[in-house]
Amino acid sequence: MENKKSSTPMVLGIVGFVVNIPGLFCAAACGAATGVATEMAAIESGMESDGTAGAAVMGSVVLMTIIPMLIGFIASFMAKSKAVVAAWLMILSAIALFIITILSGNWVFGLVNTVCYLVGGILALGNR
């Protein structure tokens, strides 16, 4: 009997990636606002500031979000040929994005992406 491999993990990876693109901008804006608020609090308390806290927080949030996003997206295309590797990469990306979602508070977009990558990774394990 022939084992037909599913393309569902690839579709879920694409959907999760596309859905999280607006979430990436939202996380960047929230990170910048948090950095600016931190900057203002530092100025009010009499500390000196160089004015780069907003950009630093925004950059780190974007970087922490985009790396697992891209890893999960690329792994979703490997789900037919290298199913086990792709599955574990998608599951690890889902875990990393869940942690980043908790830290950044980007619940709407982050959880959709996390669920898509997690379910896609579990289904990719069935493609062995």
N, C-alpha and C. Protein backbone atom coordinates (compact mmCIF):
# COMPACT_ATOMS: atom_id res chain seq x y z
N MET A 1 0.83 -1.17 0.00
CA MET A 1 0.00 0.00 0.00
C MET A 1 0.88 1.25 0.00
N GLU A 2 0.55 2.19 -0.83
CA GLU A 2 1.35 3.40 -1.00
C GLU A 2 0.96 4.44 0.06
N ASN A 3 1.97 5.07 0.65
CA ASN A 3 1.74 6.09 1.68
C ASN A 3 1.71 7.46 1.01
N LYS A 4 0.53 8.06 0.90
CA LYS A 4 0.40 9.37 0.28
C LYS A 4 0.70 10.45 1.32
N LYS A 5 1.57 11.37 0.96
CA LYS A 5 1.98 12.42 1.88
C LYS A 5 1.07 13.63 1.72
N SER A 6 0.70 14.19 2.85
CA SER A 6 -0.23 15.31 2.88
C SER A 6 0.50 16.64 2.66
N SER A 7 -0.18 17.58 2.03
CA SER A 7 0.37 18.92 1.87
C SER A 7 -0.22 19.89 2.90
N THR A 8 -0.97 19.37 3.85
CA THR A 8 -1.59 20.21 4.88
C THR A 8 -0.55 20.97 5.72
N PRO A 9 0.58 20.36 6.12
CA PRO A 9 1.57 21.14 6.89
C PRO A 9 2.09 22.35 6.12
N MET A 10 2.25 22.21 4.81
CA MET A 10 2.72 23.32 4.01
C MET A 10 1.68 24.45 3.98
N VAL A 11 0.41 24.07 3.81
CA VAL A 11 -0.66 25.07 3.79
C VAL A 11 -0.76 25.78 5.14
N LEU A 12 -0.68 25.01 6.23
CA LEU A 12 -0.74 25.62 7.55
C LEU A 12 0.46 26.54 7.81
N GLY A 13 1.62 26.17 7.31
CA GLY A 13 2.80 27.03 7.45
C GLY A 13 2.63 28.34 6.69
N ILE A 14 2.07 28.27 5.49
CA ILE A 14 1.83 29.48 4.70
C ILE A 14 0.79 30.36 5.39
N VAL A 15 -0.30 29.75 5.85
CA VAL A 15 -1.35 30.52 6.52
C VAL A 15 -0.82 31.18 7.79
N GLY A 16 -0.08 30.42 8.58
CA GLY A 16 0.48 30.97 9.81
C GLY A 16 1.42 32.13 9.54
N PHE A 17 2.24 32.00 8.50
CA PHE A 17 3.19 33.07 8.15
C PHE A 17 2.46 34.32 7.69
N VAL A 18 1.49 34.15 6.81
CA VAL A 18 0.77 35.29 6.25
C VAL A 18 -0.05 36.00 7.33
N VAL A 19 -0.67 35.22 8.21
CA VAL A 19 -1.47 35.82 9.28
C VAL A 19 -0.59 36.62 10.24
N ASN A 20 0.63 36.20 10.44
CA ASN A 20 1.49 36.87 11.42
C ASN A 20 2.22 38.08 10.85
N ILE A 21 2.13 38.34 9.57
CA ILE A 21 2.79 39.53 9.01
C ILE A 21 2.21 40.81 9.63
N PRO A 22 0.86 40.98 9.69
CA PRO A 22 0.36 42.16 10.40
C PRO A 22 0.71 42.14 11.89
N GLY A 23 0.78 40.94 12.47
CA GLY A 23 1.17 40.81 13.86
C GLY A 23 2.59 41.26 14.11
N LEU A 24 3.45 41.08 13.11
CA LEU A 24 4.83 41.54 13.23
C LEU A 24 4.87 43.06 13.34
N PHE A 25 4.07 43.74 12.52
CA PHE A 25 4.01 45.20 12.60
C PHE A 25 3.40 45.66 13.92
N CYS A 26 2.40 44.93 14.38
CA CYS A 26 1.76 45.25 15.66
C CYS A 26 2.74 45.08 16.81
N ALA A 27 3.49 44.00 16.79
CA ALA A 27 4.49 43.75 17.83
C ALA A 27 5.58 44.82 17.80
N ALA A 28 5.95 45.25 16.59
CA ALA A 28 6.96 46.30 16.47
C ALA A 28 6.45 47.61 17.05
N ALA A 29 5.19 47.94 16.77
CA ALA A 29 4.63 49.19 17.29
C ALA A 29 4.50 49.13 18.82
N CYS A 30 4.06 47.99 19.33
CA CYS A 30 3.94 47.85 20.78
C CYS A 30 5.31 47.89 21.45
N GLY A 31 6.29 47.28 20.82
CA GLY A 31 7.65 47.31 21.35
C GLY A 31 8.22 48.72 21.36
N ALA A 32 7.95 49.47 20.29
CA ALA A 32 8.43 50.85 20.24
C ALA A 32 7.74 51.70 21.29
N ALA A 33 6.43 51.49 21.47
CA ALA A 33 5.71 52.26 22.49
C ALA A 33 6.22 51.93 23.89
N THR A 34 6.52 50.67 24.13
CA THR A 34 7.08 50.28 25.43
C THR A 34 8.43 50.93 25.65
N GLY A 35 9.24 50.94 24.62
CA GLY A 35 10.56 51.57 24.73
C GLY A 35 10.46 53.06 24.98
N VAL A 36 9.52 53.72 24.29
CA VAL A 36 9.34 55.16 24.49
C VAL A 36 8.83 55.45 25.90
N ALA A 37 7.91 54.61 26.39
CA ALA A 37 7.41 54.79 27.75
C ALA A 37 8.53 54.61 28.77
N THR A 38 9.39 53.63 28.53
CA THR A 38 10.54 53.42 29.42
C THR A 38 11.47 54.62 29.37
N GLU A 39 11.66 55.14 28.18
CA GLU A 39 12.51 56.32 27.99
C GLU A 39 11.95 57.53 28.75
N MET A 40 10.66 57.74 28.65
CA MET A 40 10.03 58.87 29.32
C MET A 40 10.11 58.73 30.84
N ALA A 41 9.92 57.51 31.31
CA ALA A 41 10.02 57.27 32.76
C ALA A 41 11.44 57.53 33.25
N ALA A 42 12.42 57.17 32.45
CA ALA A 42 13.81 57.41 32.83
C ALA A 42 14.11 58.90 32.87
N ILE A 43 13.58 59.65 31.91
CA ILE A 43 13.82 61.10 31.87
C ILE A 43 13.14 61.77 33.07
N GLU A 44 11.91 61.33 33.37
CA GLU A 44 11.19 61.93 34.50
C GLU A 44 11.87 61.65 35.84
N SER A 45 12.54 60.52 35.94
CA SER A 45 13.20 60.21 37.21
C SER A 45 14.58 60.85 37.32
N GLY A 46 14.96 61.61 36.31
CA GLY A 46 16.23 62.34 36.38
C GLY A 46 17.40 61.62 35.75
N MET A 47 17.18 60.45 35.15
CA MET A 47 18.27 59.72 34.52
C MET A 47 18.51 60.29 33.12
N GLU A 48 19.74 60.18 32.68
CA GLU A 48 20.04 60.62 31.32
C GLU A 48 19.64 59.53 30.34
N SER A 49 19.28 59.95 29.14
CA SER A 49 18.82 59.00 28.14
C SER A 49 19.34 59.41 26.78
N ASP A 50 19.66 58.41 25.96
CA ASP A 50 20.15 58.72 24.62
C ASP A 50 19.05 58.67 23.56
N GLY A 51 17.83 58.31 23.95
CA GLY A 51 16.70 58.34 23.03
C GLY A 51 16.59 57.14 22.10
N THR A 52 17.30 56.07 22.39
CA THR A 52 17.25 54.92 21.48
C THR A 52 16.54 53.71 22.08
N ALA A 53 15.92 53.85 23.23
CA ALA A 53 15.28 52.69 23.87
C ALA A 53 14.12 52.17 23.04
N GLY A 54 13.31 53.07 22.45
CA GLY A 54 12.18 52.63 21.63
C GLY A 54 12.63 51.82 20.43
N ALA A 55 13.66 52.29 19.76
CA ALA A 55 14.16 51.56 18.59
C ALA A 55 14.79 50.23 18.99
N ALA A 56 15.46 50.21 20.12
CA ALA A 56 16.11 48.97 20.57
C ALA A 56 15.07 47.90 20.92
N VAL A 57 14.03 48.30 21.63
CA VAL A 57 12.99 47.34 21.99
C VAL A 57 12.25 46.87 20.75
N MET A 58 11.93 47.81 19.85
CA MET A 58 11.24 47.45 18.62
C MET A 58 12.07 46.48 17.79
N GLY A 59 13.35 46.75 17.66
CA GLY A 59 14.21 45.88 16.87
C GLY A 59 14.34 44.49 17.45
N SER A 60 14.44 44.41 18.77
CA SER A 60 14.57 43.09 19.38
C SER A 60 13.27 42.30 19.27
N VAL A 61 12.12 42.96 19.41
CA VAL A 61 10.84 42.26 19.28
C VAL A 61 10.66 41.75 17.85
N VAL A 62 11.00 42.59 16.88
CA VAL A 62 10.87 42.17 15.47
C VAL A 62 11.81 41.01 15.18
N LEU A 63 13.03 41.08 15.66
CA LEU A 63 14.00 40.02 15.41
C LEU A 63 13.58 38.72 16.08
N MET A 64 13.11 38.82 17.33
CA MET A 64 12.66 37.61 18.04
C MET A 64 11.43 37.00 17.38
N THR A 65 10.63 37.79 16.70
CA THR A 65 9.43 37.28 16.06
C THR A 65 9.73 36.73 14.67
N ILE A 66 10.56 37.41 13.91
CA ILE A 66 10.74 37.04 12.50
C ILE A 66 11.59 35.78 12.33
N ILE A 67 12.52 35.52 13.23
CA ILE A 67 13.38 34.34 13.07
C ILE A 67 12.58 33.04 13.18
N PRO A 68 11.77 32.82 14.24
CA PRO A 68 10.97 31.59 14.26
C PRO A 68 9.89 31.56 13.19
N MET A 69 9.39 32.76 12.81
CA MET A 69 8.41 32.81 11.72
C MET A 69 9.01 32.24 10.43
N LEU A 70 10.20 32.70 10.10
CA LEU A 70 10.84 32.24 8.86
C LEU A 70 11.26 30.78 8.94
N ILE A 71 11.72 30.34 10.11
CA ILE A 71 12.11 28.93 10.26
C ILE A 71 10.90 28.03 10.05
N GLY A 72 9.78 28.37 10.68
CA GLY A 72 8.56 27.58 10.51
C GLY A 72 8.05 27.62 9.09
N PHE A 73 8.14 28.78 8.44
CA PHE A 73 7.68 28.93 7.06
C PHE A 73 8.51 28.08 6.11
N ILE A 74 9.81 28.13 6.26
CA ILE A 74 10.70 27.33 5.40
C ILE A 74 10.53 25.85 5.69
N ALA A 75 10.37 25.49 6.96
CA ALA A 75 10.20 24.08 7.32
C ALA A 75 8.90 23.51 6.77
N SER A 76 7.89 24.36 6.61
CA SER A 76 6.61 23.86 6.09
C SER A 76 6.75 23.36 4.65
N PHE A 77 7.70 23.89 3.90
CA PHE A 77 7.91 23.43 2.53
C PHE A 77 8.71 22.13 2.48
N MET A 78 9.35 21.78 3.58
CA MET A 78 10.11 20.53 3.63
C MET A 78 9.28 19.37 4.18
N ALA A 79 8.00 19.62 4.44
CA ALA A 79 7.17 18.64 5.14
C ALA A 79 6.96 17.35 4.34
N LYS A 80 7.08 17.40 3.03
CA LYS A 80 6.91 16.17 2.24
C LYS A 80 8.22 15.41 2.09
N SER A 81 9.30 16.13 1.90
CA SER A 81 10.57 15.44 1.63
C SER A 81 11.30 15.03 2.90
N LYS A 82 11.40 15.93 3.86
CA LYS A 82 12.09 15.64 5.12
C LYS A 82 11.11 15.89 6.26
N ALA A 83 10.19 14.98 6.42
CA ALA A 83 9.04 15.20 7.30
C ALA A 83 9.43 15.35 8.76
N VAL A 84 10.34 14.54 9.25
CA VAL A 84 10.68 14.58 10.68
C VAL A 84 11.41 15.88 11.02
N VAL A 85 12.35 16.28 10.18
CA VAL A 85 13.09 17.51 10.42
C VAL A 85 12.13 18.70 10.36
N ALA A 86 11.28 18.71 9.34
CA ALA A 86 10.32 19.80 9.19
C ALA A 86 9.35 19.85 10.36
N ALA A 87 8.90 18.69 10.80
CA ALA A 87 7.96 18.65 11.91
C ALA A 87 8.56 19.24 13.17
N TRP A 88 9.79 18.84 13.49
CA TRP A 88 10.40 19.35 14.71
C TRP A 88 10.74 20.82 14.60
N LEU A 89 11.14 21.28 13.43
CA LEU A 89 11.40 22.71 13.25
C LEU A 89 10.11 23.52 13.41
N MET A 90 9.01 23.01 12.89
CA MET A 90 7.73 23.72 13.02
C MET A 90 7.26 23.72 14.48
N ILE A 91 7.44 22.61 15.17
CA ILE A 91 7.03 22.55 16.57
C ILE A 91 7.90 23.48 17.43
N LEU A 92 9.21 23.48 17.20
CA LEU A 92 10.09 24.39 17.94
C LEU A 92 9.78 25.85 17.62
N SER A 93 9.44 26.13 16.37
CA SER A 93 9.04 27.50 16.01
C SER A 93 7.76 27.89 16.72
N ALA A 94 6.83 26.96 16.83
CA ALA A 94 5.57 27.24 17.53
C ALA A 94 5.83 27.53 19.00
N ILE A 95 6.72 26.77 19.62
CA ILE A 95 7.03 27.00 21.03
C ILE A 95 7.71 28.36 21.21
N ALA A 96 8.66 28.67 20.33
CA ALA A 96 9.35 29.97 20.43
C ALA A 96 8.36 31.12 20.20
N LEU A 97 7.48 30.97 19.23
CA LEU A 97 6.50 32.03 18.98
C LEU A 97 5.50 32.16 20.11
N PHE A 98 5.17 31.05 20.77
CA PHE A 98 4.28 31.13 21.93
C PHE A 98 4.93 31.92 23.06
N ILE A 99 6.19 31.69 23.30
CA ILE A 99 6.91 32.43 24.34
C ILE A 99 6.99 33.91 23.97
N ILE A 100 7.28 34.20 22.72
CA ILE A 100 7.35 35.60 22.27
C ILE A 100 5.98 36.25 22.35
N THR A 101 4.93 35.48 22.05
CA THR A 101 3.57 36.01 22.15
C THR A 101 3.25 36.39 23.59
N ILE A 102 3.66 35.58 24.53
CA ILE A 102 3.43 35.89 25.94
C ILE A 102 4.20 37.14 26.34
N LEU A 103 5.45 37.24 25.90
CA LEU A 103 6.28 38.38 26.28
C LEU A 103 5.82 39.69 25.63
N SER A 104 5.38 39.62 24.38
CA SER A 104 5.01 40.84 23.67
C SER A 104 3.54 41.20 23.82
N GLY A 105 2.71 40.26 24.24
CA GLY A 105 1.29 40.53 24.40
C GLY A 105 0.53 40.60 23.09
N ASN A 106 1.09 40.04 22.05
CA ASN A 106 0.48 40.08 20.72
C ASN A 106 -0.40 38.84 20.54
N TRP A 107 -1.49 38.76 21.28
CA TRP A 107 -2.27 37.53 21.38
C TRP A 107 -3.02 37.18 20.11
N VAL A 108 -3.59 38.15 19.43
CA VAL A 108 -4.46 37.85 18.29
C VAL A 108 -3.69 37.15 17.18
N PHE A 109 -2.62 37.76 16.73
CA PHE A 109 -1.86 37.20 15.61
C PHE A 109 -0.93 36.08 16.06
N GLY A 110 -0.33 36.25 17.22
CA GLY A 110 0.66 35.29 17.69
C GLY A 110 0.09 33.91 17.95
N LEU A 111 -1.09 33.85 18.53
CA LEU A 111 -1.66 32.53 18.83
C LEU A 111 -2.12 31.81 17.57
N VAL A 112 -2.62 32.55 16.58
CA VAL A 112 -3.02 31.92 15.32
C VAL A 112 -1.80 31.30 14.64
N ASN A 113 -0.71 32.04 14.60
CA ASN A 113 0.52 31.52 14.01
C ASN A 113 1.05 30.33 14.79
N THR A 114 1.01 30.41 16.11
CA THR A 114 1.49 29.32 16.96
C THR A 114 0.68 28.05 16.73
N VAL A 115 -0.63 28.18 16.67
CA VAL A 115 -1.49 27.01 16.45
C VAL A 115 -1.26 26.42 15.07
N CYS A 116 -1.13 27.27 14.05
CA CYS A 116 -0.89 26.77 12.69
C CYS A 116 0.42 25.99 12.62
N TYR A 117 1.49 26.54 13.21
CA TYR A 117 2.78 25.84 13.16
C TYR A 117 2.76 24.56 13.99
N LEU A 118 2.08 24.60 15.13
CA LEU A 118 2.03 23.42 15.98
C LEU A 118 1.24 22.29 15.31
N VAL A 119 0.08 22.60 14.78
CA VAL A 119 -0.73 21.58 14.11
C VAL A 119 -0.02 21.10 12.84
N GLY A 120 0.59 22.03 12.10
CA GLY A 120 1.35 21.62 10.91
C GLY A 120 2.51 20.72 11.24
N GLY A 121 3.19 21.00 12.34
CA GLY A 121 4.30 20.14 12.77
C GLY A 121 3.83 18.75 13.18
N ILE A 122 2.72 18.69 13.89
CA ILE A 122 2.18 17.40 14.30
C ILE A 122 1.73 16.61 13.08
N LEU A 123 1.09 17.27 12.13
CA LEU A 123 0.67 16.57 10.91
C LEU A 123 1.84 16.16 10.04
N ALA A 124 2.91 16.95 10.09
CA ALA A 124 4.11 16.58 9.31
C ALA A 124 4.75 15.31 9.87
N LEU A 125 4.59 15.07 11.17
CA LEU A 125 5.10 13.81 11.72
C LEU A 125 4.38 12.61 11.11
N GLY A 126 3.15 12.81 10.68
CA GLY A 126 2.40 11.74 10.03
C GLY A 126 2.84 11.50 8.59
N ASN A 127 3.65 12.39 8.04
CA ASN A 127 4.13 12.23 6.66
C ASN A 127 5.36 11.34 6.56
N ARG A 128 5.76 10.69 7.64
CA ARG A 128 6.98 9.88 7.60
C ARG A 128 6.85 8.73 6.66
